[in-house]
Amino acid sequence: MTTVHQDDERNDMPEDGEMMDRIHKLEVAQATQVAAAAGTEATLAATQAGATATTAASVAGLAAAVASGAGGFIVGIFLGMGIAKAKA
């Protein structure tokens, strides 16, 4: 029969300095993961905001092109009617 002494159990436990080092490394790893997750969320939000702004600018540009084209078309009709009357 073997007897386990308290001293034997303590030898398996890491030293206080080593334990503190392990805890510090875990804290750093957790902080890094949190920062990476926050960076990912910020990047995603910026990407979505950029896509929304791009879409809005695209729609505004298309509307401006359609409006100027329609205006030019109407002016062209009246100009054509004026030229046709002048030749007649």
PDB file of N, CA and C in Angstrom:
ATOM      1  N   MET A   1       0.838  -1.169   0.000  1.00  0.00           N
ATOM      2  CA  MET A   1       0.000   0.000   0.000  1.00  0.00           C
ATOM      3  C   MET A   1       0.885   1.234   0.000  1.00  0.00           C
ATOM      4  N   THR A   2       0.540   2.162  -0.901  1.00  0.00           N
ATOM      5  CA  THR A   2       1.347   3.384  -0.975  1.00  0.00           C
ATOM      6  C   THR A   2       0.585   4.515  -0.325  1.00  0.00           C
ATOM      7  N   THR A   3       1.311   5.354   0.296  1.00  0.00           N
ATOM      8  CA  THR A   3       0.710   6.492   0.986  1.00  0.00           C
ATOM      9  C   THR A   3       1.097   7.761   0.233  1.00  0.00           C
ATOM     10  N   VAL A   4       0.113   8.584   0.012  1.00  0.00           N
ATOM     11  CA  VAL A   4       0.370   9.857  -0.667  1.00  0.00           C
ATOM     12  C   VAL A   4       0.557  10.908   0.398  1.00  0.00           C
ATOM     13  N   HIS A   5       1.676  11.558   0.327  1.00  0.00           N
ATOM     14  CA  HIS A   5       1.964  12.623   1.286  1.00  0.00           C
ATOM     15  C   HIS A   5       1.595  13.962   0.671  1.00  0.00           C
ATOM     16  N   GLN A   6       1.353  14.904   1.526  1.00  0.00           N
ATOM     17  CA  GLN A   6       1.017  16.238   1.036  1.00  0.00           C
ATOM     18  C   GLN A   6       2.166  16.815   0.219  1.00  0.00           C
ATOM     19  N   ASP A   7       3.379  16.513   0.590  1.00  0.00           N
ATOM     20  CA  ASP A   7       4.534  17.040  -0.141  1.00  0.00           C
ATOM     21  C   ASP A   7       4.540  16.499  -1.574  1.00  0.00           C
ATOM     22  N   ASP A   8       4.127  15.245  -1.768  1.00  0.00           N
ATOM     23  CA  ASP A   8       4.102  14.666  -3.108  1.00  0.00           C
ATOM     24  C   ASP A   8       3.075  15.381  -3.987  1.00  0.00           C
ATOM     25  N   GLU A   9       1.936  15.728  -3.420  1.00  0.00           N
ATOM     26  CA  GLU A   9       0.907  16.419  -4.179  1.00  0.00           C
ATOM     27  C   GLU A   9       1.366  17.821  -4.560  1.00  0.00           C
ATOM     28  N   ARG A  10       2.073  18.468  -3.701  1.00  0.00           N
ATOM     29  CA  ARG A  10       2.545  19.828  -3.970  1.00  0.00           C
ATOM     30  C   ARG A  10       3.602  19.842  -5.069  1.00  0.00           C
ATOM     31  N   ASN A  11       4.325  18.759  -5.233  1.00  0.00           N
ATOM     32  CA  ASN A  11       5.348  18.712  -6.274  1.00  0.00           C
ATOM     33  C   ASN A  11       4.714  18.708  -7.668  1.00  0.00           C
ATOM     34  N   ASP A  12       3.488  18.222  -7.776  1.00  0.00           N
ATOM     35  CA  ASP A  12       2.793  18.212  -9.062  1.00  0.00           C
ATOM     36  C   ASP A  12       2.241  19.593  -9.419  1.00  0.00           C
ATOM     37  N   MET A  13       2.048  20.435  -8.454  1.00  0.00           N
ATOM     38  CA  MET A  13       1.496  21.770  -8.687  1.00  0.00           C
ATOM     39  C   MET A  13       2.605  22.698  -9.188  1.00  0.00           C
ATOM     40  N   PRO A  14       2.293  23.553 -10.159  1.00  0.00           N
ATOM     41  CA  PRO A  14       3.301  24.489 -10.635  1.00  0.00           C
ATOM     42  C   PRO A  14       3.616  25.546  -9.582  1.00  0.00           C
ATOM     43  N   GLU A  15       4.754  26.135  -9.710  1.00  0.00           N
ATOM     44  CA  GLU A  15       5.172  27.202  -8.796  1.00  0.00           C
ATOM     45  C   GLU A  15       4.243  28.400  -8.990  1.00  0.00           C
ATOM     46  N   ASP A  16       4.222  29.286  -8.006  1.00  0.00           N
ATOM     47  CA  ASP A  16       3.356  30.467  -8.101  1.00  0.00           C
ATOM     48  C   ASP A  16       3.709  31.321  -9.317  1.00  0.00           C
ATOM     49  N   GLY A  17       4.982  31.517  -9.557  1.00  0.00           N
ATOM     50  CA  GLY A  17       5.411  32.323 -10.703  1.00  0.00           C
ATOM     51  C   GLY A  17       4.992  31.700 -12.023  1.00  0.00           C
ATOM     52  N   GLU A  18       5.114  30.385 -12.107  1.00  0.00           N
ATOM     53  CA  GLU A  18       4.716  29.678 -13.329  1.00  0.00           C
ATOM     54  C   GLU A  18       3.198  29.762 -13.513  1.00  0.00           C
ATOM     55  N   MET A  19       2.458  29.642 -12.418  1.00  0.00           N
ATOM     56  CA  MET A  19       0.997  29.746 -12.482  1.00  0.00           C
ATOM     57  C   MET A  19       0.584  31.139 -12.930  1.00  0.00           C
ATOM     58  N   MET A  20       1.245  32.156 -12.391  1.00  0.00           N
ATOM     59  CA  MET A  20       0.932  33.530 -12.789  1.00  0.00           C
ATOM     60  C   MET A  20       1.261  33.749 -14.264  1.00  0.00           C
ATOM     61  N   ASP A  21       2.324  33.165 -14.729  1.00  0.00           N
ATOM     62  CA  ASP A  21       2.700  33.280 -16.139  1.00  0.00           C
ATOM     63  C   ASP A  21       1.645  32.621 -17.026  1.00  0.00           C
ATOM     64  N   ARG A  22       1.168  31.460 -16.621  1.00  0.00           N
ATOM     65  CA  ARG A  22       0.116  30.770 -17.382  1.00  0.00           C
ATOM     66  C   ARG A  22      -1.165  31.605 -17.414  1.00  0.00           C
ATOM     67  N   ILE A  23      -1.538  32.151 -16.270  1.00  0.00           N
ATOM     68  CA  ILE A  23      -2.743  32.984 -16.189  1.00  0.00           C
ATOM     69  C   ILE A  23      -2.589  34.206 -17.088  1.00  0.00           C
ATOM     70  N   HIS A  24      -1.414  34.818 -17.053  1.00  0.00           N
ATOM     71  CA  HIS A  24      -1.169  35.995 -17.898  1.00  0.00           C
ATOM     72  C   HIS A  24      -1.285  35.637 -19.378  1.00  0.00           C
ATOM     73  N   LYS A  25      -0.730  34.505 -19.761  1.00  0.00           N
ATOM     74  CA  LYS A  25      -0.815  34.081 -21.165  1.00  0.00           C
ATOM     75  C   LYS A  25      -2.266  33.829 -21.569  1.00  0.00           C
ATOM     76  N   LEU A  26      -3.062  33.243 -20.695  1.00  0.00           N
ATOM     77  CA  LEU A  26      -4.477  33.025 -20.978  1.00  0.00           C
ATOM     78  C   LEU A  26      -5.226  34.345 -21.120  1.00  0.00           C
ATOM     79  N   GLU A  27      -4.917  35.299 -20.245  1.00  0.00           N
ATOM     80  CA  GLU A  27      -5.558  36.608 -20.326  1.00  0.00           C
ATOM     81  C   GLU A  27      -5.211  37.304 -21.633  1.00  0.00           C
ATOM     82  N   VAL A  28      -3.951  37.213 -22.039  1.00  0.00           N
ATOM     83  CA  VAL A  28      -3.517  37.834 -23.296  1.00  0.00           C
ATOM     84  C   VAL A  28      -4.220  37.169 -24.478  1.00  0.00           C
ATOM     85  N   ALA A  29      -4.329  35.853 -24.443  1.00  0.00           N
ATOM     86  CA  ALA A  29      -5.009  35.132 -25.521  1.00  0.00           C
ATOM     87  C   ALA A  29      -6.481  35.527 -25.598  1.00  0.00           C
ATOM     88  N   GLN A  30      -7.134  35.648 -24.463  1.00  0.00           N
ATOM     89  CA  GLN A  30      -8.542  36.049 -24.452  1.00  0.00           C
ATOM     90  C   GLN A  30      -8.708  37.475 -24.965  1.00  0.00           C
ATOM     91  N   ALA A  31      -7.832  38.367 -24.534  1.00  0.00           N
ATOM     92  CA  ALA A  31      -7.906  39.753 -24.997  1.00  0.00           C
ATOM     93  C   ALA A  31      -7.676  39.835 -26.503  1.00  0.00           C
ATOM     94  N   THR A  32      -6.769  39.019 -27.005  1.00  0.00           N
ATOM     95  CA  THR A  32      -6.513  38.988 -28.445  1.00  0.00           C
ATOM     96  C   THR A  32      -7.740  38.501 -29.204  1.00  0.00           C
ATOM     97  N   GLN A  33      -8.395  37.476 -28.690  1.00  0.00           N
ATOM     98  CA  GLN A  33      -9.607  36.971 -29.337  1.00  0.00           C
ATOM     99  C   GLN A  33     -10.715  38.013 -29.332  1.00  0.00           C
ATOM    100  N   VAL A  34     -10.874  38.712 -28.222  1.00  0.00           N
ATOM    101  CA  VAL A  34     -11.902  39.755 -28.135  1.00  0.00           C
ATOM    102  C   VAL A  34     -11.600  40.876 -29.113  1.00  0.00           C
ATOM    103  N   ALA A  35     -10.334  41.276 -29.194  1.00  0.00           N
ATOM    104  CA  ALA A  35      -9.947  42.343 -30.120  1.00  0.00           C
ATOM    105  C   ALA A  35     -10.155  41.908 -31.566  1.00  0.00           C
ATOM    106  N   ALA A  36      -9.836  40.675 -31.862  1.00  0.00           N
ATOM    107  CA  ALA A  36     -10.037  40.169 -33.227  1.00  0.00           C
ATOM    108  C   ALA A  36     -11.521  40.137 -33.574  1.00  0.00           C
ATOM    109  N   ALA A  37     -12.352  39.719 -32.636  1.00  0.00           N
ATOM    110  CA  ALA A  37     -13.798  39.687 -32.884  1.00  0.00           C
ATOM    111  C   ALA A  37     -14.345  41.099 -33.074  1.00  0.00           C
ATOM    112  N   ALA A  38     -13.881  42.029 -32.262  1.00  0.00           N
ATOM    113  CA  ALA A  38     -14.328  43.416 -32.401  1.00  0.00           C
ATOM    114  C   ALA A  38     -13.863  44.003 -33.733  1.00  0.00           C
ATOM    115  N   GLY A  39     -12.650  43.683 -34.134  1.00  0.00           N
ATOM    116  CA  GLY A  39     -12.151  44.148 -35.431  1.00  0.00           C
ATOM    117  C   GLY A  39     -12.951  43.574 -36.582  1.00  0.00           C
ATOM    118  N   THR A  40     -13.318  42.325 -36.465  1.00  0.00           N
ATOM    119  CA  THR A  40     -14.129  41.686 -37.503  1.00  0.00           C
ATOM    120  C   THR A  40     -15.484  42.365 -37.614  1.00  0.00           C
ATOM    121  N   GLU A  41     -16.107  42.651 -36.476  1.00  0.00           N
ATOM    122  CA  GLU A  41     -17.410  43.313 -36.491  1.00  0.00           C
ATOM    123  C   GLU A  41     -17.305  44.720 -37.063  1.00  0.00           C
ATOM    124  N   ALA A  42     -16.244  45.440 -36.701  1.00  0.00           N
ATOM    125  CA  ALA A  42     -16.061  46.793 -37.226  1.00  0.00           C
ATOM    126  C   ALA A  42     -15.835  46.769 -38.733  1.00  0.00           C
ATOM    127  N   THR A  43     -15.052  45.805 -39.202  1.00  0.00           N
ATOM    128  CA  THR A  43     -14.805  45.679 -40.640  1.00  0.00           C
ATOM    129  C   THR A  43     -16.088  45.361 -41.375  1.00  0.00           C
ATOM    130  N   LEU A  44     -16.890  44.471 -40.813  1.00  0.00           N
ATOM    131  CA  LEU A  44     -18.165  44.109 -41.428  1.00  0.00           C
ATOM    132  C   LEU A  44     -19.097  45.320 -41.492  1.00  0.00           C
ATOM    133  N   ALA A  45     -19.166  46.078 -40.408  1.00  0.00           N
ATOM    134  CA  ALA A  45     -20.029  47.266 -40.382  1.00  0.00           C
ATOM    135  C   ALA A  45     -19.560  48.293 -41.407  1.00  0.00           C
ATOM    136  N   ALA A  46     -18.241  48.482 -41.507  1.00  0.00           N
ATOM    137  CA  ALA A  46     -17.711  49.441 -42.484  1.00  0.00           C
ATOM    138  C   ALA A  46     -17.978  48.977 -43.908  1.00  0.00           C
ATOM    139  N   THR A  47     -17.862  47.680 -44.142  1.00  0.00           N
ATOM    140  CA  THR A  47     -18.139  47.138 -45.470  1.00  0.00           C
ATOM    141  C   THR A  47     -19.601  47.344 -45.840  1.00  0.00           C
ATOM    142  N   GLN A  48     -20.486  47.080 -44.901  1.00  0.00           N
ATOM    143  CA  GLN A  48     -21.914  47.273 -45.171  1.00  0.00           C
ATOM    144  C   GLN A  48     -22.237  48.743 -45.395  1.00  0.00           C
ATOM    145  N   ALA A  49     -21.631  49.626 -44.608  1.00  0.00           N
ATOM    146  CA  ALA A  49     -21.863  51.061 -44.788  1.00  0.00           C
ATOM    147  C   ALA A  49     -21.340  51.514 -46.149  1.00  0.00           C
ATOM    148  N   GLY A  50     -20.183  51.011 -46.535  1.00  0.00           N
ATOM    149  CA  GLY A  50     -19.631  51.351 -47.839  1.00  0.00           C
ATOM    150  C   GLY A  50     -20.498  50.846 -48.969  1.00  0.00           C
ATOM    151  N   ALA A  51     -21.014  49.648 -48.840  1.00  0.00           N
ATOM    152  CA  ALA A  51     -21.893  49.093 -49.869  1.00  0.00           C
ATOM    153  C   ALA A  51     -23.175  49.904 -49.975  1.00  0.00           C
ATOM    154  N   THR A  52     -23.712  50.317 -48.837  1.00  0.00           N
ATOM    155  CA  THR A  52     -24.928  51.129 -48.835  1.00  0.00           C
ATOM    156  C   THR A  52     -24.672  52.479 -49.495  1.00  0.00           C
ATOM    157  N   ALA A  53     -23.542  53.098 -49.154  1.00  0.00           N
ATOM    158  CA  ALA A  53     -23.205  54.391 -49.754  1.00  0.00           C
ATOM    159  C   ALA A  53     -22.979  54.254 -51.260  1.00  0.00           C
ATOM    160  N   THR A  54     -22.323  53.187 -51.666  1.00  0.00           N
ATOM    161  CA  THR A  54     -22.089  52.947 -53.094  1.00  0.00           C
ATOM    162  C   THR A  54     -23.401  52.753 -53.835  1.00  0.00           C
ATOM    163  N   THR A  55     -24.306  51.989 -53.251  1.00  0.00           N
ATOM    164  CA  THR A  55     -25.606  51.765 -53.871  1.00  0.00           C
ATOM    165  C   THR A  55     -26.388  53.070 -53.976  1.00  0.00           C
ATOM    166  N   ALA A  56     -26.366  53.868 -52.922  1.00  0.00           N
ATOM    167  CA  ALA A  56     -27.075  55.151 -52.942  1.00  0.00           C
ATOM    168  C   ALA A  56     -26.492  56.075 -54.007  1.00  0.00           C
ATOM    169  N   ALA A  57     -25.171  56.119 -54.113  1.00  0.00           N
ATOM    170  CA  ALA A  57     -24.535  56.962 -55.133  1.00  0.00           C
ATOM    171  C   ALA A  57     -24.855  56.457 -56.532  1.00  0.00           C
ATOM    172  N   SER A  58     -24.904  55.162 -56.689  1.00  0.00           N
ATOM    173  CA  SER A  58     -25.238  54.571 -57.983  1.00  0.00           C
ATOM    174  C   SER A  58     -26.658  54.932 -58.401  1.00  0.00           C
ATOM    175  N   VAL A  59     -27.576  54.815 -57.467  1.00  0.00           N
ATOM    176  CA  VAL A  59     -28.974  55.160 -57.763  1.00  0.00           C
ATOM    177  C   VAL A  59     -29.099  56.645 -58.079  1.00  0.00           C
ATOM    178  N   ALA A  60     -28.420  57.485 -57.313  1.00  0.00           N
ATOM    179  CA  ALA A  60     -28.469  58.929 -57.565  1.00  0.00           C
ATOM    180  C   ALA A  60     -27.875  59.261 -58.931  1.00  0.00           C
ATOM    181  N   GLY A  61     -26.769  58.610 -59.275  1.00  0.00           N
ATOM    182  CA  GLY A  61     -26.155  58.831 -60.586  1.00  0.00           C
ATOM    183  C   GLY A  61     -27.060  58.391 -61.718  1.00  0.00           C
ATOM    184  N   LEU A  62     -27.698  57.252 -61.547  1.00  0.00           N
ATOM    185  CA  LEU A  62     -28.628  56.763 -62.560  1.00  0.00           C
ATOM    186  C   LEU A  62     -29.807  57.714 -62.710  1.00  0.00           C
ATOM    187  N   ALA A  63     -30.347  58.185 -61.593  1.00  0.00           N
ATOM    188  CA  ALA A  63     -31.474  59.122 -61.640  1.00  0.00           C
ATOM    189  C   ALA A  63     -31.071  60.408 -62.341  1.00  0.00           C
ATOM    190  N   ALA A  64     -29.862  60.901 -62.061  1.00  0.00           N
ATOM    191  CA  ALA A  64     -29.391  62.125 -62.720  1.00  0.00           C
ATOM    192  C   ALA A  64     -29.228  61.901 -64.215  1.00  0.00           C
ATOM    193  N   ALA A  65     -28.712  60.744 -64.603  1.00  0.00           N
ATOM    194  CA  ALA A  65     -28.543  60.448 -66.025  1.00  0.00           C
ATOM    195  C   ALA A  65     -29.885  60.339 -66.723  1.00  0.00           C
ATOM    196  N   VAL A  66     -30.838  59.681 -66.085  1.00  0.00           N
ATOM    197  CA  VAL A  66     -32.175  59.548 -66.668  1.00  0.00           C
ATOM    198  C   VAL A  66     -32.836  60.919 -66.781  1.00  0.00           C
ATOM    199  N   ALA A  67     -32.727  61.732 -65.749  1.00  0.00           N
ATOM    200  CA  ALA A  67     -33.340  63.070 -65.765  1.00  0.00           C
ATOM    201  C   ALA A  67     -32.718  63.938 -66.853  1.00  0.00           C
ATOM    202  N   SER A  68     -31.391  63.919 -66.960  1.00  0.00           N
ATOM    203  CA  SER A  68     -30.760  64.748 -67.992  1.00  0.00           C
ATOM    204  C   SER A  68     -31.082  64.216 -69.384  1.00  0.00           C
ATOM    205  N   GLY A  69     -31.163  62.903 -69.536  1.00  0.00           N
ATOM    206  CA  GLY A  69     -31.548  62.325 -70.822  1.00  0.00           C
ATOM    207  C   GLY A  69     -32.965  62.700 -71.200  1.00  0.00           C
ATOM    208  N   ALA A  70     -33.876  62.649 -70.235  1.00  0.00           N
ATOM    209  CA  ALA A  70     -35.267  63.024 -70.495  1.00  0.00           C
ATOM    210  C   ALA A  70     -35.366  64.506 -70.837  1.00  0.00           C
ATOM    211  N   GLY A  71     -34.631  65.329 -70.114  1.00  0.00           N
ATOM    212  CA  GLY A  71     -34.625  66.769 -70.406  1.00  0.00           C
ATOM    213  C   GLY A  71     -34.089  67.045 -71.802  1.00  0.00           C
ATOM    214  N   GLY A  72     -33.024  66.374 -72.167  1.00  0.00           N
ATOM    215  CA  GLY A  72     -32.458  66.537 -73.508  1.00  0.00           C
ATOM    216  C   GLY A  72     -33.416  66.059 -74.584  1.00  0.00           C
ATOM    217  N   PHE A  73     -34.123  64.985 -74.285  1.00  0.00           N
ATOM    218  CA  PHE A  73     -35.101  64.456 -75.240  1.00  0.00           C
ATOM    219  C   PHE A  73     -36.220  65.461 -75.488  1.00  0.00           C
ATOM    220  N   ILE A  74     -36.741  66.033 -74.407  1.00  0.00           N
ATOM    221  CA  ILE A  74     -37.832  67.005 -74.522  1.00  0.00           C
ATOM    222  C   ILE A  74     -37.361  68.260 -75.268  1.00  0.00           C
ATOM    223  N   VAL A  75     -36.176  68.747 -74.898  1.00  0.00           N
ATOM    224  CA  VAL A  75     -35.626  69.922 -75.604  1.00  0.00           C
ATOM    225  C   VAL A  75     -35.424  69.586 -77.071  1.00  0.00           C
ATOM    226  N   GLY A  76     -34.950  68.392 -77.370  1.00  0.00           N
ATOM    227  CA  GLY A  76     -34.750  67.973 -78.762  1.00  0.00           C
ATOM    228  C   GLY A  76     -36.039  67.935 -79.543  1.00  0.00           C
ATOM    229  N   ILE A  77     -37.120  67.496 -78.914  1.00  0.00           N
ATOM    230  CA  ILE A  77     -38.426  67.467 -79.595  1.00  0.00           C
ATOM    231  C   ILE A  77     -38.860  68.881 -79.973  1.00  0.00           C
ATOM    232  N   PHE A  78     -38.806  69.786 -78.999  1.00  0.00           N
ATOM    233  CA  PHE A  78     -39.224  71.161 -79.285  1.00  0.00           C
ATOM    234  C   PHE A  78     -38.288  71.825 -80.287  1.00  0.00           C
ATOM    235  N   LEU A  79     -37.006  71.542 -80.195  1.00  0.00           N
ATOM    236  CA  LEU A  79     -36.054  72.091 -81.159  1.00  0.00           C
ATOM    237  C   LEU A  79     -36.346  71.552 -82.559  1.00  0.00           C
ATOM    238  N   GLY A  80     -36.643  70.254 -82.626  1.00  0.00           N
ATOM    239  CA  GLY A  80     -36.988  69.654 -83.931  1.00  0.00           C
ATOM    240  C   GLY A  80     -38.263  70.248 -84.495  1.00  0.00           C
ATOM    241  N   MET A  81     -39.263  70.477 -83.659  1.00  0.00           N
ATOM    242  CA  MET A  81     -40.508  71.076 -84.126  1.00  0.00           C
ATOM    243  C   MET A  81     -40.270  72.515 -84.596  1.00  0.00           C
ATOM    244  N   GLY A  82     -39.401  73.229 -83.901  1.00  0.00           N
ATOM    245  CA  GLY A  82     -39.083  74.609 -84.302  1.00  0.00           C
ATOM    246  C   GLY A  82     -38.341  74.626 -85.619  1.00  0.00           C
ATOM    247  N   ILE A  83     -37.416  73.716 -85.820  1.00  0.00           N
ATOM    248  CA  ILE A  83     -36.659  73.657 -87.074  1.00  0.00           C
ATOM    249  C   ILE A  83     -37.596  73.257 -88.217  1.00  0.00           C
ATOM    250  N   ALA A  84     -38.501  72.300 -87.974  1.00  0.00           N
ATOM    251  CA  ALA A  84     -39.457  71.863 -89.003  1.00  0.00           C
ATOM    252  C   ALA A  84     -40.365  73.012 -89.412  1.00  0.00           C
ATOM    253  N   LYS A  85     -40.811  73.844 -88.461  1.00  0.00           N
ATOM    254  CA  LYS A  85     -41.664  74.988 -88.760  1.00  0.00           C
ATOM    255  C   LYS A  85     -40.882  76.040 -89.544  1.00  0.00           C
ATOM    256  N   ALA A  86     -39.618  76.205 -89.188  1.00  0.00           N
ATOM    257  CA  ALA A  86     -38.793  77.233 -89.851  1.00  0.00           C
ATOM    258  C   ALA A  86     -38.563  76.872 -91.309  1.00  0.00           C
ATOM    259  N   LYS A  87     -38.451  75.584 -91.627  1.00  0.00           N
ATOM    260  CA  LYS A  87     -38.214  75.153 -93.020  1.00  0.00           C
ATOM    261  C   LYS A  87     -39.507  75.222 -93.812  1.00  0.00           C
ATOM    262  N   ALA A  88     -40.639  75.161 -93.172  1.00  0.00           N
ATOM    263  CA  ALA A  88     -41.906  75.119 -93.892  1.00  0.00           C
ATOM    264  C   ALA A  88     -42.388  76.439 -94.328  1.00  0.00           C
TER     265      ALA A  88
END
